[in-house]
C-alpha cells in the first residue's frame, strides 16, 4: 500500500476543517471518462443553431457551462468563459453556455455585456437534468471524441491538452534525435524482458505513457488465462509503471509545496486521465476530488 504523501494529508485536514461550512459549489453528475449526454436545447443565440447536437460537433473539443441569468456566481464567471471562447474558438474549441432560462433574459444579458459565446437556451431544463446539474455554474470539458475529460473545472492548460490530442498545438521545442532516442530506449530497457503478448507495453513506455503500459499489462495478470511467464512479466512491469505514477505524483506535490496550487491541480487532473482504467485510477481520482473541493472552498479556483 502506498504511503499517503504530505500533500494529500494536508488536503484531507483542510477539507475536514471546513466541513461544517459548505459554500455553494458546482453540482452535477461527474461523467469524466464517459460519453457526454446529448444536448436538448430547442433555442439558441449568438451562433448556436437550435437542435445542434454534440454528435455533430465530434472532432472539436467542447466546453459546456450550465448557468442562468440571475445567478450571481454565473454572472461572475461569465467574463472568463467569454475569454476562453474568444481565445480558443479560432483553434476549433466550441464553448457553449447552456442557459436554464428564458430567451428574453438571456438576450438581455448577452446584449448588456457584449458576450459572443454561443448559448443554448433550455427554458425547460432538459439538458441540466440529463447532466444532473442542481447547482450553478457547472462546467464540463468534452473531448473531440465525445468523452468527458473534466467535470467542474476548465482551464487553458486542459484546453491546450485537448487541442494537442488532435494535433493542434504550439510547435514543440527542438530536441536532439539522439537525446530523444536514448530516453525512449531507457524507458523500454527498464521494463526488462517483455513477452510478445505484452509488446504494446514497450511502445507505450517509449512514448513515456505509463498509463497505457498499465492498461496493457493489467489485462494479463490472470494466471488462469495467461502463461506463467506472461503473468510474471506483467506483474514486474506493473511495479515499474506504478513507481512511475508515484514519481509523477511526487512532482505534483512539489509544485503544490512551491505554492502553485492551480498548476498542481491541473497536473493531477491530467495524471488521473492518463492512468484512467488502471489500478492507479481510483487513488488519483479521489485525490482530484479532494484537491478540487479544497480549492473551491478556499476560493482559489474561480473557473468552473
Protein backbone atom coordinates (compact mmCIF):
# COMPACT_ATOMS: atom_id res chain seq x y z
CA UNK A 1 0.00 0.00 0.00
CA UNK A 2 1.36 3.41 -0.97
CA UNK A 3 2.10 5.73 1.96
CA UNK A 4 -0.04 8.91 1.87
CA UNK A 5 2.03 11.94 0.94
CA UNK A 6 2.22 15.17 2.92
CA UNK A 7 0.23 16.92 0.19
CA UNK A 8 -2.77 14.65 0.49
CA UNK A 9 -2.70 14.60 4.30
CA UNK A 10 -2.72 18.39 4.31
CA UNK A 11 -5.62 18.48 1.85
CA UNK A 12 -7.63 16.00 3.89
CA UNK A 13 -7.13 18.07 7.05
CA UNK A 14 -8.02 21.28 5.27
CA UNK A 15 -11.19 19.80 3.81
CA UNK A 16 -12.18 18.35 7.18
CA UNK A 17 -11.58 21.65 8.93
CA UNK A 18 -14.19 23.38 6.80
CA UNK A 19 -16.65 20.52 6.60
CA UNK A 20 -19.06 22.42 8.79
CA UNK A 21 -19.30 25.26 6.30
CA UNK A 22 -20.46 24.28 2.83
CA UNK A 23 -20.42 27.23 0.43
CA UNK A 24 -22.31 26.82 -2.85
CA UNK A 25 -20.36 24.97 -5.48
CA UNK A 26 -20.99 23.20 -8.72
CA UNK A 27 -23.13 20.12 -8.52
CA UNK A 28 -23.83 17.68 -11.33
CA UNK A 29 -23.01 14.13 -12.33
CA UNK A 30 -19.29 13.51 -12.84
CA UNK A 31 -19.16 11.91 -16.28
CA UNK A 32 -15.36 12.05 -16.54
CA UNK A 33 -14.21 9.19 -18.76
CA UNK A 34 -17.72 8.52 -20.07
CA UNK A 35 -19.63 9.71 -23.16
CA UNK A 36 -21.25 13.10 -22.64
CA UNK A 37 -25.06 13.16 -22.58
CA UNK A 38 -26.59 14.87 -25.60
CA UNK A 39 -27.83 18.44 -25.66
CA UNK A 40 -31.58 19.05 -25.66
CA UNK A 41 -31.95 22.82 -26.18
CA UNK A 42 -34.71 23.95 -28.55
CA UNK A 43 -33.47 27.54 -28.88
CA UNK A 44 -30.13 29.19 -29.48
CA UNK A 45 -28.46 32.58 -29.58
CA UNK A 46 -25.11 34.05 -30.57
CA UNK A 47 -24.37 31.46 -33.23
CA UNK A 48 -25.85 28.38 -31.56
CA UNK A 49 -28.19 26.69 -34.01
CA UNK A 50 -31.30 25.12 -32.43
CA UNK A 51 -31.06 21.36 -32.48
CA UNK A 52 -27.25 21.32 -32.51
CA UNK A 53 -26.02 18.00 -31.13
CA UNK A 54 -22.72 17.01 -29.57
CA UNK A 55 -22.53 14.27 -32.20
CA UNK A 56 -22.44 16.98 -34.88
CA UNK A 57 -19.51 18.61 -33.07
CA UNK A 58 -17.30 15.49 -33.00
CA UNK A 59 -13.76 16.39 -33.93
CA UNK A 60 -13.86 19.52 -31.76
CA UNK A 61 -13.31 19.86 -28.01
CA UNK A 62 -16.50 21.23 -26.43
CA UNK A 63 -16.93 23.19 -23.20
CA UNK A 64 -20.41 23.33 -21.68
CA UNK A 65 -21.15 25.89 -18.98
CA UNK A 66 -24.52 25.47 -17.25
CA UNK A 67 -25.83 28.81 -15.98
CA UNK A 68 -28.85 31.09 -15.54
CA UNK A 69 -29.00 34.86 -15.75
CA UNK A 70 -29.89 35.77 -12.14
CA UNK A 71 -27.22 33.51 -10.61
CA UNK A 72 -24.50 35.74 -9.02
CA UNK A 73 -21.82 33.06 -9.37
CA UNK A 74 -22.75 32.58 -13.03
CA UNK A 75 -22.57 36.32 -13.63
CA UNK A 76 -19.15 36.48 -12.00
CA UNK A 77 -17.69 33.62 -14.02
CA UNK A 78 -19.10 34.54 -17.45
CA UNK A 79 -16.33 37.05 -18.37
CA UNK A 80 -13.75 34.28 -18.01
CA UNK A 81 -15.88 31.92 -20.09
CA UNK A 82 -16.17 34.61 -22.76
CA UNK A 83 -12.37 34.93 -22.70
CA UNK A 84 -11.95 31.19 -23.23
CA UNK A 85 -14.38 31.35 -26.16
CA UNK A 86 -12.61 34.26 -27.82
CA UNK A 87 -9.19 32.68 -27.36
CA UNK A 88 -9.95 29.11 -28.37
CA UNK A 89 -12.81 29.29 -30.89
CA UNK A 90 -10.36 30.17 -33.71
CA UNK A 91 -8.48 26.96 -32.87
CA UNK A 92 -11.53 24.72 -33.03
CA UNK A 93 -12.83 24.66 -29.44
CA UNK A 94 -16.61 25.04 -29.16
CA UNK A 95 -17.72 26.85 -25.99
CA UNK A 96 -21.46 26.72 -25.27
CA UNK A 97 -23.33 28.34 -22.41
CA UNK A 98 -26.34 26.19 -21.53
CA UNK A 99 -28.87 28.65 -20.10
CA UNK A 100 -31.64 27.26 -17.92
CA UNK A 101 -33.58 30.44 -18.54
CA UNK A 102 -35.90 32.31 -20.87
CA UNK A 103 -34.76 33.60 -24.23
CA UNK A 104 -35.51 37.31 -23.41
CA UNK A 105 -33.49 37.12 -20.18
CA UNK A 106 -30.53 35.59 -21.97
CA UNK A 107 -30.74 38.06 -24.87
CA UNK A 108 -30.67 40.94 -22.39
CA UNK A 109 -27.66 39.57 -20.51
CA UNK A 110 -25.69 38.95 -23.70
CA UNK A 111 -26.51 42.40 -25.10
CA UNK A 112 -25.72 44.15 -21.81
CA UNK A 113 -22.28 42.52 -21.50
CA UNK A 114 -21.32 42.17 -25.16
CA UNK A 115 -20.91 38.40 -24.90
CA UNK A 116 -20.27 36.49 -28.12
CA UNK A 117 -20.10 32.93 -26.77
CA UNK A 118 -22.85 30.71 -28.25
CA UNK A 119 -25.72 29.98 -25.89
CA UNK A 120 -28.17 27.09 -25.89
CA UNK A 121 -31.42 28.29 -24.34
CA UNK A 122 -33.09 25.46 -22.43
CA UNK A 123 -36.00 27.00 -20.53
CA UNK A 124 -37.39 23.56 -19.67
CA UNK A 125 -34.11 22.42 -18.11
CA UNK A 126 -33.91 19.22 -20.18
CA UNK A 127 -30.14 19.31 -20.63
CA UNK A 128 -29.37 20.19 -16.98
CA UNK A 129 -31.49 17.19 -15.94
CA UNK A 130 -29.52 14.91 -18.26
CA UNK A 131 -26.32 16.07 -16.58
CA UNK A 132 -27.78 16.01 -13.08
CA UNK A 133 -26.96 19.70 -12.58
CA UNK A 134 -28.53 21.21 -9.48
CA UNK A 135 -26.07 23.98 -8.55
CA UNK A 136 -24.73 26.64 -10.91
CA UNK A 137 -22.42 27.29 -12.63
CA UNK A 138 -21.27 23.79 -13.51
CA UNK A 139 -18.92 23.07 -16.41
CA UNK A 140 -17.82 20.08 -18.47
CA UNK A 141 -14.91 19.72 -20.89
CA UNK A 142 -15.74 17.18 -23.60
CA UNK A 143 -13.03 15.76 -25.85
CA UNK A 144 -13.21 15.70 -29.63
CA UNK A 145 -14.24 12.04 -29.31
CA UNK A 146 -17.30 12.88 -27.21
CA UNK A 147 -15.80 11.67 -23.93
CA UNK A 148 -15.94 13.95 -20.89
CA UNK A 149 -12.40 14.93 -19.88
CA UNK A 150 -13.09 17.19 -16.92
CA UNK A 151 -16.01 18.00 -14.64
CA UNK A 152 -16.37 21.27 -12.74
CA UNK A 153 -13.04 22.69 -13.88
CA UNK A 154 -11.87 24.06 -17.23
CA UNK A 155 -8.60 25.89 -17.82
CA UNK A 156 -6.23 26.96 -20.56
CA UNK A 157 -3.93 24.06 -19.69
CA UNK A 158 -6.69 21.48 -20.11
CA UNK A 159 -7.84 23.03 -23.39
CA UNK A 160 -4.30 23.09 -24.72
CA UNK A 161 -4.01 19.42 -23.88
CA UNK A 162 -7.19 18.59 -25.77
CA UNK A 163 -6.03 20.54 -28.79
CA UNK A 164 -2.70 18.74 -28.67
CA UNK A 165 -4.57 15.43 -28.80
CA UNK A 166 -5.86 16.46 -32.19
CA UNK A 167 -2.52 17.80 -33.37
CA UNK A 168 -3.37 21.46 -32.81
CA UNK A 169 -0.65 22.83 -30.60
CA UNK A 170 2.29 25.17 -30.45
CA UNK A 171 5.49 23.89 -32.08
CA UNK A 172 7.37 21.59 -29.76
CA UNK A 173 10.87 22.59 -28.74
CA UNK A 174 13.60 21.08 -30.87
CA UNK A 175 15.21 18.08 -29.18
CA UNK A 176 18.25 16.30 -30.49
CA UNK A 177 17.25 12.97 -32.03
CA UNK A 178 19.92 11.10 -30.11
CA UNK A 179 18.66 12.50 -26.78
CA UNK A 180 15.03 11.56 -27.56
CA UNK A 181 16.02 8.10 -28.70
CA UNK A 182 18.14 7.43 -25.62
CA UNK A 183 15.25 8.43 -23.34
CA UNK A 184 12.86 6.06 -25.11
CA UNK A 185 15.46 3.31 -25.03
CA UNK A 186 15.98 3.76 -21.30
CA UNK A 187 12.26 3.52 -20.68
CA UNK A 188 11.99 0.29 -22.65
CA UNK A 189 15.11 -1.21 -21.06
CA UNK A 190 13.62 -0.53 -17.61
CA UNK A 191 10.82 -2.99 -18.38
CA UNK A 192 13.22 -5.90 -18.71
CA UNK A 193 12.33 -8.86 -20.92
CA UNK A 194 8.90 -8.33 -22.48
CA UNK A 195 6.95 -11.30 -23.91
CA UNK A 196 5.30 -10.79 -27.29
CA UNK A 197 1.87 -10.74 -25.64
CA UNK A 198 2.92 -7.52 -23.85
CA UNK A 199 4.74 -5.91 -26.77
CA UNK A 200 2.41 -2.91 -26.75
CA UNK A 201 3.79 -2.00 -23.33
CA UNK A 202 7.19 -1.36 -24.91
CA UNK A 203 5.71 1.11 -27.40
CA UNK A 204 3.83 2.87 -24.59
CA UNK A 205 6.95 3.10 -22.42
CA UNK A 206 8.90 4.57 -25.33
CA UNK A 207 6.21 7.29 -25.51
CA UNK A 208 6.51 7.77 -21.73
CA UNK A 209 2.85 6.76 -21.40
CA UNK A 210 2.81 4.63 -18.28
CA UNK A 211 -0.96 4.67 -18.02
CA UNK A 212 -1.03 2.79 -21.32
CA UNK A 213 1.70 0.48 -20.01
CA UNK A 214 -0.52 -0.42 -17.05
CA UNK A 215 -3.58 -0.95 -19.22
CA UNK A 216 -1.61 -3.42 -21.34
CA UNK A 217 -0.07 -5.46 -18.53
CA UNK A 218 -3.04 -5.39 -16.16
CA UNK A 219 -5.04 -7.24 -18.79
CA UNK A 220 -2.60 -10.16 -18.40
CA UNK A 221 -2.47 -10.79 -14.66
CA UNK A 222 -4.81 -13.79 -14.62
CA UNK A 223 -2.83 -16.98 -14.13
CA UNK A 224 -5.79 -18.99 -15.42
CA UNK A 225 -5.88 -17.11 -18.71
CA UNK A 226 -2.23 -16.37 -19.49
CA UNK A 227 1.04 -18.36 -19.47
CA UNK A 228 3.08 -18.13 -16.28
CA UNK A 229 5.92 -16.20 -17.97
CA UNK A 230 3.48 -13.59 -19.29
CA UNK A 231 1.85 -13.13 -15.87
CA UNK A 232 5.25 -12.84 -14.17
CA UNK A 233 6.41 -10.23 -16.68
CA UNK A 234 3.12 -8.35 -16.38
CA UNK A 235 3.50 -8.15 -12.61
CA UNK A 236 7.09 -6.97 -12.88
CA UNK A 237 6.22 -4.30 -15.44
CA UNK A 238 3.20 -3.28 -13.39
CA UNK A 239 5.54 -2.48 -10.49
CA UNK A 240 7.70 -0.32 -12.77
CA UNK A 241 4.69 1.60 -14.12
CA UNK A 242 3.20 2.14 -10.67
CA UNK A 243 6.53 3.50 -9.49
CA UNK A 244 6.44 5.97 -12.38
CA UNK A 245 2.93 7.01 -11.32
CA UNK A 246 4.15 7.64 -7.77
CA UNK A 247 7.09 9.67 -9.06
CA UNK A 248 4.72 11.79 -11.12
CA UNK A 249 2.50 12.40 -8.11
CA UNK A 250 5.55 13.39 -6.05
CA UNK A 251 6.40 16.03 -8.66
CA UNK A 252 2.86 17.36 -8.43
CA UNK A 253 3.25 17.58 -4.67
CA UNK A 254 6.43 19.58 -5.19
CA UNK A 255 4.53 22.08 -7.35
CA UNK A 256 1.95 22.37 -4.58
CA UNK A 257 4.62 22.96 -1.95
CA UNK A 258 6.06 25.78 -4.12
CA UNK A 259 2.67 27.50 -3.96
CA UNK A 260 1.44 26.58 -7.45
CA UNK A 261 -1.93 25.32 -6.25
CA UNK A 262 -3.86 25.57 -9.51
CA UNK A 263 -0.97 24.24 -11.57
CA UNK A 264 -0.66 21.25 -9.25
CA UNK A 265 -4.38 20.59 -9.53
CA UNK A 266 -4.30 20.75 -13.33
CA UNK A 267 -1.36 18.35 -13.39
CA UNK A 268 -3.25 16.00 -11.09
CA UNK A 269 -6.31 16.06 -13.37
CA UNK A 270 -4.13 15.16 -16.35
CA UNK A 271 -2.43 12.36 -14.40
CA UNK A 272 -5.80 10.90 -13.41
CA UNK A 273 -6.85 10.99 -17.05
CA UNK A 274 -3.62 9.37 -18.21
CA UNK A 275 -4.00 6.50 -15.71
CA UNK A 276 -7.74 6.05 -16.27
CA UNK A 277 -8.73 2.39 -16.32
CA UNK A 278 -5.75 1.21 -14.27
CA UNK A 279 -5.21 0.25 -10.64
CA UNK A 280 -3.83 3.76 -10.06
CA UNK A 281 -7.06 5.41 -11.22
CA UNK A 282 -9.16 5.22 -8.04
CA UNK A 283 -6.38 6.76 -5.95
CA UNK A 284 -5.75 9.62 -8.38
CA UNK A 285 -9.43 10.34 -8.96
CA UNK A 286 -10.04 10.52 -5.20
CA UNK A 287 -7.17 13.00 -4.88
CA UNK A 288 -8.51 15.11 -7.74
CA UNK A 289 -11.85 15.39 -5.94
CA UNK A 290 -10.24 16.19 -2.58
CA UNK A 291 -7.96 18.86 -4.04
CA UNK A 292 -10.77 20.35 -6.15
CA UNK A 293 -13.05 20.58 -3.12
CA UNK A 294 -10.30 22.27 -1.13
CA UNK A 295 -9.51 24.81 -3.87
CA UNK A 296 -13.17 25.70 -4.35
CA UNK A 297 -13.79 26.08 -0.64
CA UNK A 298 -10.71 28.27 -0.26
CA UNK A 299 -11.81 30.44 -3.19
CA UNK A 300 -8.61 29.64 -5.12
CA UNK A 301 -10.45 28.17 -8.12
CA UNK A 302 -12.86 30.56 -9.81
CA UNK A 303 -13.18 28.97 -13.29
CA UNK A 304 -15.54 26.00 -13.37
